[in-house]
Amino acid sequence: MLAHWKKAFAILFTGQIFSILTSSMVQFSIIWHLTETTQSAMVLTTAGLAGFMPQAILGPFIGVWLDRWNRKKTMIAADSTIAFFSLILGLYFYLGDPGLGLVYLILMVRSVATAFHAPSFQAVIPLLAPEEQLTRVAGWHQMVFSFSNVIGPALGIAVYSAASLGIVLFLDVAGALIANLMLLFVRINQPKPEAQQSPNFMSEFKLGWQAFIKVRAIVVITMATAVFSVVFMPLATLFPFMTLSHFGRGGYSASFIEAVFSIGMILGGLLLAVAASKWNDIVYICGSLIIMGLTCLVSGIISNEAFFVFVILSFLIGAAAPFFNGPYMAMIQRAYEPAMLGRVISLVTSVMLLASPIGLLLAGPIVDKYGVQAWFFWSGVVVVLTGIFLLTQFKRLQINEASA
């Protein structure tokens, strides 16, 4: 299996490019549609909640089923569900305006499907790649993801402006179908679950939780990341609002910011893939948090005439992001047995996603009252402090281990 892992990844990632690209088009187009038609931070944060809450609530429990089910078939079923509901929403937009209620409902259903797909994909990676290559693979994964996101917003706003949001959603259907087709050509050996007399949901859930808390380093990072997520995750929906409300620019400028951010992620992912063994994962994670925090902080104090500065800062945020996401996931993939990964990854993802709605609930009224820059500034302060906290915690842990 290891002799052919690069070929398997090439096929898997090729299909995922189409799915990620069209999903990026849809995500940006929906956010911009809501921004342009409502100009309300509360509407944007409500849409964010609709997209986050199902994953956050269901994640810890979904992991049990993921470790029971065939991960390849689960990915196909999840992508097919996303495609089906994109088709429904696309038909509504193509024929007219479906209203906010239906948009929120479809976003929630897509979120449920994503709750199955995302951890399944991450749990598949250590079944294909050698352990010593996981950080490098994470870098390539971040690069592929970012490449799709570079042209996704630009294509999304182009199709949205030239045709309609319905057409963008139809393209998402095609992307999901292509990803599923490519996945059929990848052989994935399903890990054997732990032996037991009969499936028992609560006992399997408990085993996953016990496995998670045994690795103190992962627990510490996950808890710190939950704090980081409260302030940072709302920025995903507030970037277009920053472009519109603070800089007074339109959809193409907003998509340009998204593209610049994603170009930064591509170069950051490439650099991580090349330099994966230079430092340990925690150095990458803490450095990434500090850089992202400082750039957000500066974004919160620049004038409304400094759009070019915001472009540079968006690039730096994007370039730093893979050095957090990639090493963090590689640490998890190394620390746990493949038969437990579905539960652990779902649990970790849910901790972060449960923190995100808190941030979205706070961000809406704060941005409406004090402006979007206030959120950028204080989120930057919190992210910098989180990076410093993690760095001191792991230095202390290393000292304790050395003296033991």
Protein backbone atom coordinates (compact mmCIF):
# COMPACT_ATOMS: atom_id res chain seq x y z
CA MET A 1 0.00 0.00 0.00
CA LEU A 2 2.77 2.45 0.95
CA ALA A 3 4.48 2.02 -2.43
CA HIS A 4 1.43 3.47 -4.16
CA TRP A 5 0.32 6.05 -1.61
CA LYS A 6 1.37 9.04 -3.74
CA LYS A 7 -0.70 7.79 -6.68
CA ALA A 8 -3.72 7.26 -4.41
CA PHE A 9 -3.36 10.77 -3.03
CA ALA A 10 -3.04 12.26 -6.50
CA ILE A 11 -6.36 10.69 -7.52
CA LEU A 12 -8.06 11.55 -4.22
CA PHE A 13 -6.88 15.18 -4.22
CA THR A 14 -7.74 15.68 -7.90
CA GLY A 15 -11.37 14.86 -7.19
CA GLN A 16 -11.37 16.97 -4.03
CA ILE A 17 -10.11 20.00 -5.99
CA PHE A 18 -13.36 20.09 -7.96
CA SER A 19 -15.48 19.67 -4.84
CA ILE A 20 -13.56 22.27 -2.82
CA LEU A 21 -13.50 24.71 -5.75
CA THR A 22 -17.23 24.66 -6.33
CA SER A 23 -17.96 24.68 -2.58
CA SER A 24 -15.74 27.76 -2.31
CA MET A 25 -17.71 29.39 -5.12
CA VAL A 26 -20.97 28.65 -3.32
CA GLN A 27 -19.74 29.74 0.10
CA PHE A 28 -18.47 33.11 -1.11
CA SER A 29 -21.43 33.72 -3.41
CA ILE A 30 -23.97 33.07 -0.62
CA ILE A 31 -22.08 35.31 1.81
CA TRP A 32 -21.81 38.07 -0.78
CA HIS A 33 -25.48 37.69 -1.76
CA LEU A 34 -26.52 38.12 1.88
CA THR A 35 -24.04 40.97 2.35
CA GLU A 36 -25.25 42.81 -0.74
CA THR A 37 -28.98 42.26 -0.24
CA THR A 38 -29.22 42.76 3.53
CA GLN A 39 -26.05 44.65 4.59
CA SER A 40 -26.63 43.19 8.06
CA ALA A 41 -23.97 41.58 10.22
CA MET A 42 -26.75 39.77 12.10
CA VAL A 43 -27.91 38.04 8.90
CA LEU A 44 -24.32 37.01 8.13
CA THR A 45 -23.71 35.64 11.61
CA THR A 46 -27.07 33.79 11.54
CA ALA A 47 -26.01 32.18 8.26
CA GLY A 48 -22.71 31.27 9.92
CA LEU A 49 -24.57 29.68 12.83
CA ALA A 50 -26.68 27.66 10.40
CA GLY A 51 -23.49 26.38 8.84
CA PHE A 52 -21.62 25.67 12.09
CA MET A 53 -24.15 24.45 14.66
CA PRO A 54 -25.10 21.07 13.15
CA GLN A 55 -21.44 20.07 12.82
CA ALA A 56 -20.69 21.26 16.34
CA ILE A 57 -23.60 19.47 17.99
CA LEU A 58 -23.48 16.23 16.03
CA GLY A 59 -19.71 15.90 15.69
CA PRO A 60 -18.85 13.96 18.87
CA PHE A 61 -21.59 11.40 18.18
CA ILE A 62 -20.97 11.12 14.44
CA GLY A 63 -17.43 9.96 15.16
CA VAL A 64 -18.75 6.67 16.59
CA TRP A 65 -20.55 5.88 13.34
CA LEU A 66 -17.58 6.96 11.25
CA ASP A 67 -15.37 4.39 12.97
CA ARG A 68 -18.03 1.71 12.30
CA TRP A 69 -18.80 2.58 8.69
CA ASN A 70 -16.72 2.34 5.55
CA ARG A 71 -15.04 5.76 5.32
CA LYS A 72 -14.93 5.80 1.54
CA LYS A 73 -18.66 5.11 1.23
CA THR A 74 -19.37 7.68 3.95
CA MET A 75 -17.51 10.36 1.97
CA ILE A 76 -19.44 9.50 -1.18
CA ALA A 77 -22.79 9.56 0.62
CA ALA A 78 -22.00 12.88 2.31
CA ASP A 79 -20.88 14.57 -0.92
CA SER A 80 -23.97 13.24 -2.68
CA THR A 81 -26.19 14.74 0.02
CA ILE A 82 -24.47 18.11 -0.32
CA ALA A 83 -24.96 17.94 -4.10
CA PHE A 84 -28.65 17.11 -3.75
CA PHE A 85 -29.42 20.03 -1.46
CA SER A 86 -27.30 22.38 -3.54
CA LEU A 87 -29.51 21.34 -6.45
CA ILE A 88 -32.67 22.15 -4.47
CA LEU A 89 -31.40 25.57 -3.37
CA GLY A 90 -30.09 26.23 -6.88
CA LEU A 91 -33.52 25.59 -8.37
CA TYR A 92 -35.10 28.03 -5.92
CA PHE A 93 -32.57 30.75 -6.72
CA TYR A 94 -32.83 30.05 -10.44
CA LEU A 95 -36.61 30.44 -10.34
CA GLY A 96 -36.70 33.33 -7.86
CA ASP A 97 -35.79 34.35 -4.30
CA PRO A 98 -36.18 31.47 -1.78
CA GLY A 99 -36.09 33.74 1.27
CA LEU A 100 -33.71 33.65 4.22
CA GLY A 101 -35.49 30.82 6.03
CA LEU A 102 -34.89 28.29 3.28
CA VAL A 103 -31.30 29.47 2.82
CA TYR A 104 -30.63 28.87 6.52
CA LEU A 105 -32.31 25.45 6.37
CA ILE A 106 -30.25 24.28 3.38
CA LEU A 107 -27.07 25.56 5.02
CA MET A 108 -27.91 23.46 8.08
CA VAL A 109 -28.49 20.31 6.02
CA ARG A 110 -25.23 20.85 4.13
CA SER A 111 -23.53 21.28 7.49
CA VAL A 112 -24.82 17.90 8.68
CA ALA A 113 -23.40 16.22 5.57
CA THR A 114 -20.09 18.05 6.03
CA ALA A 115 -19.97 16.77 9.63
CA PHE A 116 -19.69 13.27 8.15
CA HIS A 117 -17.45 14.11 5.19
CA ALA A 118 -14.69 16.24 6.76
CA PRO A 119 -13.58 13.87 9.57
CA SER A 120 -13.92 10.87 7.24
CA PHE A 121 -11.48 12.50 4.83
CA GLN A 122 -9.01 13.34 7.62
CA ALA A 123 -9.30 9.82 9.05
CA VAL A 124 -8.54 8.34 5.61
CA ILE A 125 -5.19 10.14 5.28
CA PRO A 126 -3.18 8.02 7.78
CA LEU A 127 -4.59 4.90 6.11
CA LEU A 128 -2.82 5.94 2.90
CA ALA A 129 0.29 7.91 3.88
CA PRO A 130 3.30 6.79 5.95
CA GLU A 131 3.39 8.26 9.46
CA GLU A 132 6.59 10.22 8.85
CA GLN A 133 4.95 11.96 5.88
CA LEU A 134 1.79 13.17 7.65
CA THR A 135 2.94 16.76 8.28
CA ARG A 136 4.17 17.04 4.68
CA VAL A 137 0.88 15.61 3.39
CA ALA A 138 -0.95 18.12 5.58
CA GLY A 139 1.03 20.85 3.83
CA TRP A 140 0.04 19.53 0.40
CA HIS A 141 -3.56 19.24 1.57
CA GLN A 142 -3.54 22.86 2.71
CA MET A 143 -2.03 23.88 -0.63
CA VAL A 144 -4.65 22.00 -2.67
CA PHE A 145 -7.43 23.41 -0.51
CA SER A 146 -6.04 26.92 -0.86
CA PHE A 147 -5.53 26.64 -4.62
CA SER A 148 -9.20 25.84 -5.00
CA ASN A 149 -10.09 28.77 -2.77
CA VAL A 150 -7.98 31.20 -4.80
CA ILE A 151 -10.13 31.02 -7.90
CA GLY A 152 -13.32 29.95 -6.10
CA PRO A 153 -14.41 33.42 -4.91
CA ALA A 154 -13.39 35.05 -8.20
CA LEU A 155 -15.27 32.45 -10.25
CA GLY A 156 -18.18 32.55 -7.82
CA ILE A 157 -18.62 36.33 -8.06
CA ALA A 158 -18.14 36.20 -11.84
CA VAL A 159 -20.84 33.55 -12.31
CA TYR A 160 -23.06 35.22 -9.69
CA SER A 161 -22.77 38.60 -11.45
CA ALA A 162 -23.14 37.23 -14.97
CA ALA A 163 -25.90 34.70 -14.25
CA SER A 164 -27.31 33.97 -10.78
CA LEU A 165 -26.60 32.27 -7.49
CA GLY A 166 -28.63 29.34 -8.79
CA ILE A 167 -26.06 28.63 -11.51
CA VAL A 168 -23.26 28.72 -8.94
CA LEU A 169 -25.12 26.10 -6.91
CA PHE A 170 -25.58 23.90 -9.98
CA LEU A 171 -21.81 23.96 -10.49
CA ASP A 172 -21.42 22.75 -6.89
CA VAL A 173 -23.51 19.71 -7.81
CA ALA A 174 -21.13 18.94 -10.68
CA GLY A 175 -18.10 19.34 -8.41
CA ALA A 176 -19.44 16.88 -5.84
CA LEU A 177 -20.21 14.31 -8.55
CA ILE A 178 -16.67 14.56 -9.98
CA ALA A 179 -15.16 14.13 -6.51
CA ASN A 180 -17.24 11.00 -5.96
CA LEU A 181 -16.25 9.58 -9.32
CA MET A 182 -12.54 10.01 -8.60
CA LEU A 183 -12.96 8.52 -5.13
CA LEU A 184 -14.23 5.29 -6.70
CA PHE A 185 -10.72 4.71 -8.12
CA VAL A 186 -8.98 4.94 -4.72
CA ARG A 187 -8.54 1.81 -2.65
CA ILE A 188 -8.83 2.46 1.09
CA ASN A 189 -8.31 -0.34 3.59
CA GLN A 190 -10.84 0.09 6.37
CA PRO A 191 -9.26 -0.27 9.86
CA LYS A 192 -10.57 -3.05 12.06
CA PRO A 193 -12.63 -1.75 15.01
CA GLU A 194 -11.75 -2.83 18.53
CA ALA A 195 -13.14 -6.26 19.37
CA GLN A 196 -16.40 -6.34 21.27
CA GLN A 197 -19.44 -8.59 21.54
CA SER A 198 -21.90 -6.24 19.86
CA PRO A 199 -21.97 -2.57 18.78
CA ASN A 200 -22.72 -0.30 21.72
CA PHE A 201 -22.93 3.41 20.97
CA MET A 202 -22.22 4.74 24.47
CA SER A 203 -19.31 2.40 25.14
CA GLU A 204 -17.74 3.30 21.79
CA PHE A 205 -18.26 7.00 22.48
CA LYS A 206 -16.65 6.57 25.91
CA LEU A 207 -13.66 4.76 24.38
CA GLY A 208 -13.16 7.63 21.96
CA TRP A 209 -13.30 10.20 24.77
CA GLN A 210 -10.87 8.19 26.91
CA ALA A 211 -8.46 7.91 23.99
CA PHE A 212 -8.67 11.65 23.40
CA ILE A 213 -7.92 12.77 26.97
CA LYS A 214 -4.94 10.41 27.32
CA VAL A 215 -2.84 12.63 25.02
CA ARG A 216 -2.33 15.78 27.10
CA ALA A 217 -0.67 17.75 24.30
CA ILE A 218 -3.72 17.35 22.04
CA VAL A 219 -6.08 18.27 24.89
CA VAL A 220 -4.15 21.47 25.67
CA ILE A 221 -4.03 22.55 22.01
CA THR A 222 -7.70 21.74 21.51
CA MET A 223 -8.79 23.79 24.52
CA ALA A 224 -6.62 26.73 23.46
CA THR A 225 -7.96 26.40 19.92
CA ALA A 226 -11.53 26.64 21.23
CA VAL A 227 -10.69 30.07 22.66
CA PHE A 228 -9.01 31.03 19.38
CA SER A 229 -12.08 29.87 17.43
CA VAL A 230 -14.46 32.10 19.40
CA VAL A 231 -12.77 35.22 18.02
CA PHE A 232 -11.25 34.05 14.75
CA MET A 233 -13.94 31.94 13.07
CA PRO A 234 -16.44 34.83 12.64
CA LEU A 235 -13.84 36.58 10.47
CA ALA A 236 -14.62 34.08 7.67
CA THR A 237 -18.02 35.75 7.26
CA LEU A 238 -16.81 39.28 8.14
CA PHE A 239 -14.05 39.66 5.51
CA PRO A 240 -16.54 40.68 2.79
CA PHE A 241 -18.31 42.94 5.28
CA MET A 242 -14.97 44.62 6.08
CA THR A 243 -14.40 45.26 2.38
CA LEU A 244 -17.89 46.69 1.91
CA SER A 245 -18.45 48.67 5.12
CA HIS A 246 -14.98 49.91 6.05
CA PHE A 247 -13.33 50.32 2.64
CA GLY A 248 -16.52 51.01 0.68
CA ARG A 249 -15.66 48.57 -2.11
CA GLY A 250 -17.75 46.09 -4.08
CA GLY A 251 -17.93 42.38 -4.85
CA TYR A 252 -14.85 42.15 -7.03
CA SER A 253 -12.68 43.75 -4.35
CA ALA A 254 -14.14 41.34 -1.79
CA SER A 255 -13.38 38.36 -4.03
CA PHE A 256 -9.88 39.77 -4.61
CA ILE A 257 -9.28 39.74 -0.85
CA GLU A 258 -10.45 36.12 -0.71
CA ALA A 259 -8.11 35.26 -3.59
CA VAL A 260 -5.13 36.99 -1.95
CA PHE A 261 -5.86 35.19 1.33
CA SER A 262 -5.97 31.86 -0.51
CA ILE A 263 -2.77 32.59 -2.47
CA GLY A 264 -1.12 33.11 0.91
CA MET A 265 -2.48 29.74 2.02
CA ILE A 266 -1.11 28.08 -1.12
CA LEU A 267 2.38 29.44 -0.56
CA GLY A 268 2.16 28.68 3.16
CA GLY A 269 1.05 25.11 2.45
CA LEU A 270 3.86 24.68 -0.09
CA LEU A 271 6.42 26.01 2.40
CA LEU A 272 5.08 23.66 5.09
CA ALA A 273 5.30 20.69 2.70
CA VAL A 274 8.93 21.55 1.91
CA ALA A 275 10.05 22.49 5.43
CA ALA A 276 7.91 20.02 7.41
CA SER A 277 10.88 18.52 9.29
CA LYS A 278 12.72 21.76 10.12
CA TRP A 279 10.95 22.36 13.45
CA ASN A 280 8.49 20.42 15.56
CA ASP A 281 4.77 20.84 15.08
CA ILE A 282 4.13 22.96 18.18
CA VAL A 283 6.61 25.62 17.00
CA TYR A 284 4.70 25.91 13.73
CA ILE A 285 1.35 26.07 15.59
CA CYS A 286 2.39 28.82 18.04
CA GLY A 287 4.20 30.86 15.39
CA SER A 288 1.14 30.68 13.15
CA LEU A 289 -1.19 31.91 15.90
CA ILE A 290 1.07 34.85 16.78
CA ILE A 291 1.43 35.96 13.15
CA MET A 292 -2.30 35.65 12.44
CA GLY A 293 -3.10 37.54 15.63
CA LEU A 294 -0.76 40.42 14.83
CA THR A 295 -2.12 40.80 11.30
CA CYS A 296 -5.73 40.84 12.57
CA LEU A 297 -4.78 43.42 15.19
CA VAL A 298 -3.23 45.72 12.58
CA SER A 299 -6.28 45.24 10.32
CA GLY A 300 -8.36 46.63 13.14
CA ILE A 301 -6.54 49.97 13.25
CA ILE A 302 -5.81 50.85 9.60
CA SER A 303 -7.74 53.67 7.92
CA ASN A 304 -10.45 53.24 5.31
CA GLU A 305 -7.99 54.45 2.67
CA ALA A 306 -5.48 51.67 3.37
CA PHE A 307 -7.09 48.94 1.29
CA PHE A 308 -3.72 47.94 -0.17
CA VAL A 309 -2.40 47.40 3.37
CA PHE A 310 -5.41 45.19 4.08
CA VAL A 311 -4.55 43.17 0.97
CA ILE A 312 -1.04 42.51 2.34
CA LEU A 313 -2.37 41.65 5.79
CA SER A 314 -4.91 39.22 4.28
CA PHE A 315 -2.07 37.52 2.41
CA LEU A 316 -0.06 37.14 5.64
CA ILE A 317 -3.04 35.70 7.52
CA GLY A 318 -3.52 33.16 4.74
CA ALA A 319 0.17 32.26 4.61
CA ALA A 320 0.27 31.62 8.36
CA ALA A 321 -2.90 29.50 8.52
CA PRO A 322 -1.46 26.20 7.11
CA PHE A 323 1.21 26.21 9.82
CA PHE A 324 -1.56 25.86 12.38
CA ASN A 325 -4.05 23.58 10.62
CA GLY A 326 -1.55 21.15 9.05
CA PRO A 327 0.69 20.36 12.06
CA TYR A 328 -2.29 20.22 14.43
CA MET A 329 -4.05 17.59 12.33
CA ALA A 330 -0.78 15.68 11.78
CA MET A 331 -0.26 15.54 15.55
CA ILE A 332 -3.73 14.05 15.97
CA GLN A 333 -3.22 11.53 13.16
CA ARG A 334 0.03 10.34 14.76
CA ALA A 335 -1.27 10.21 18.33
CA TYR A 336 -4.25 7.87 17.88
CA GLU A 337 -4.94 4.47 16.39
CA PRO A 338 -6.74 4.52 13.00
CA ALA A 339 -9.74 2.72 14.49
CA MET A 340 -10.21 5.66 16.91
CA LEU A 341 -9.50 8.53 14.52
CA GLY A 342 -13.09 9.09 13.40
CA ARG A 343 -14.22 9.67 16.99
CA VAL A 344 -11.23 11.79 17.99
CA ILE A 345 -11.28 14.01 14.90
CA SER A 346 -15.04 14.51 15.18
CA LEU A 347 -14.66 15.37 18.85
CA VAL A 348 -11.84 17.86 18.21
CA THR A 349 -13.74 19.43 15.33
CA SER A 350 -16.85 19.78 17.47
CA VAL A 351 -14.96 21.52 20.27
CA MET A 352 -13.82 24.16 17.79
CA LEU A 353 -17.18 24.42 16.08
CA LEU A 354 -19.06 24.73 19.37
CA ALA A 355 -16.83 27.69 20.14
CA SER A 356 -17.58 29.27 16.76
CA PRO A 357 -21.31 29.94 17.37
CA ILE A 358 -20.37 31.75 20.58
CA GLY A 359 -18.15 33.99 18.52
CA LEU A 360 -20.81 34.49 15.87
CA LEU A 361 -23.43 35.38 18.49
CA LEU A 362 -21.04 37.93 19.98
CA ALA A 363 -19.79 39.25 16.64
CA GLY A 364 -23.20 40.20 15.20
CA PRO A 365 -24.27 42.82 17.77
CA ILE A 366 -20.70 44.02 18.43
CA VAL A 367 -19.99 44.64 14.74
CA ASP A 368 -23.36 46.31 14.23
CA LYS A 369 -22.71 48.63 17.20
CA TYR A 370 -18.95 49.28 17.14
CA GLY A 371 -17.96 48.42 13.55
CA VAL A 372 -16.18 45.49 11.96
CA GLN A 373 -12.70 46.84 12.79
CA ALA A 374 -13.34 46.43 16.51
CA TRP A 375 -13.78 42.69 16.03
CA PHE A 376 -10.60 42.42 13.93
CA PHE A 377 -8.57 44.28 16.57
CA TRP A 378 -9.69 42.37 19.66
CA SER A 379 -9.66 39.01 17.89
CA GLY A 380 -6.03 39.72 17.03
CA VAL A 381 -5.23 40.42 20.70
CA VAL A 382 -6.82 37.14 21.82
CA VAL A 383 -5.12 35.06 19.10
CA VAL A 384 -1.66 36.46 19.96
CA LEU A 385 -2.21 35.68 23.65
CA THR A 386 -3.37 32.15 22.73
CA GLY A 387 -0.16 31.53 20.78
CA ILE A 388 1.99 32.79 23.66
CA PHE A 389 0.02 30.66 26.14
CA LEU A 390 0.57 27.48 24.10
CA LEU A 391 4.26 28.20 23.69
CA THR A 392 4.78 28.62 27.45
CA GLN A 393 2.69 25.53 28.23
CA PHE A 394 4.74 23.28 25.96
CA LYS A 395 8.06 24.68 27.18
CA ARG A 396 6.92 23.86 30.73
CA LEU A 397 5.82 20.38 29.62
CA GLN A 398 9.23 19.74 28.03
CA ILE A 399 11.01 20.87 31.21
CA ASN A 400 8.86 18.58 33.35
CA GLU A 401 9.48 15.62 31.04
CA ALA A 402 13.24 16.26 31.05
CA SER A 403 13.37 16.37 34.86
CA ALA A 404 11.17 13.29 35.32
